[in-house]
Amino acid sequence: MVEPAEEPAPVPVELERTFGSFPWQYFTLRRLSQRLLDEVTLDPDTAHPNLLLSDDRKSVRFVESRPRNLPDTPRRFTMYPCVLAAQGFTSGRHYWEVEVGDKTHWALGVCKDSVSRKGELTPLPEAGYWRLRLWNGDKYAATTTPFTPLTLRVKPRRVGVFLDYEAGEVAFYNVTDRSHIFTFTDTFTETVWPLFYPGICAGRKNAAPLVIRSPTDWE
């Protein structure tokens, strides 16, 4: 667990003008987030049986065939094909980036520790999920109740997720054009875990993995 960062210094006005829609915390937490990214890996004990993780546990993709004799651990999702990070957060500010590339289906965000992992579930905020979703190649939404449709000026190839536990915020950013996408505001009372849903293969159109990447350095 990374200790909470000290209060960031104010961002210069010229940076606010240039990157007004990007998180002001990014510039002072960038080096912290790079260190944090080294600690964000995927937890195979939570991965749905149709998900294949890379050896370094930094990427995940959907596969049609399931491995045999895969243990059904209490933490494993059995209906929703997602995987959680091996690191959960109970305080502080945290930032990570995920390469989504040209995928046509995916979802990213966080969920609380007590979400249902077996059987049918409803991945919405009231059930403990805060997610950004893409489907059909060009339809983006924040999975509020009901969904909040989003129109993005530039298709993101990489998405940044910024969690401020004490503020109760989960914010999403289009790293490709340095723009803000959406922010959830809620109250967290238990451990929250980064969540990754690579989507089904849909032929070969969505076969590429989601990949956790080191934060982009714009300095």
Foldseek 3Di string as FASTA:
>chain_A
DDDADDDFDFDDPVVCVVLVQFDRVCVRCQVVQLVVLVQWFWDPLAAAQQWDADPRRFKIFGHDDGDPPDDNDQNYAHPQGKTWTPDWDDAHKYKWKKFQAQAQWKKKFKFFPPADRYDDDDQEVVRGHFMWIGHPRQWIWTVYVPTHTWHDPDDARMKMWMDHQCQQKIWIARPVSSHTTDIDHDHDDGIMTIMIHQDHCPPVRSGDIIGIDRDDDPD
